[in-house]
């Protein structure tokens, strides 16, 4: 039986937490950054994505440039905006509690399968299991992020939930000096 929101929320406190400190990359449409002055590097649309239903605010990063570019290209594949200018940037993150879906133990504790994690969310009429999992993480605050395997490359992605990042955790967008361009919290 596929878990629902309530069972995912109940299981989250028993899942192991990964401490995660790294530099991550993000790629976004140049025009999206240009809408704001200064640019809103940690902009969250609240639109449904792989690990969040509509209304849950988060940002997606890749663990390296290759996975970030692959994910971006897949997102725009076949669409009119596929060749628009894009901007890549780096974030330094320090997160004490990350839900690591690349670990078999975590997946087992949550009573989900690898197949559950790879279902297409783009054409789903109802929130998918991955979106419900993101909603559960956001609502419980048990974790600040989810680490998961890329669906389009051999890499790993991280989705960070804005409302769950609290000091001493942080997400800092790196700039040309030691001062970050933007950060959470």
Foldseek 3Di string as FASTA:
>chain_A
DADFLVLLLVLLVVADFDWDWAKWKAKDFPVQQVVDVNGPPQDFPQDDDLQAHRNFGKDKTFRDPVLNVQVLLVVCPPHPCNPGDMDMFMKTWTWGGEQEPVDPRSCVSSVHDPVQSQDDQPPDPDGGSSNSSSVSCQVNLSGQWYWAARNGDRTIMIMGGQNNADPVIKIFTDDPDPHGPDMGD
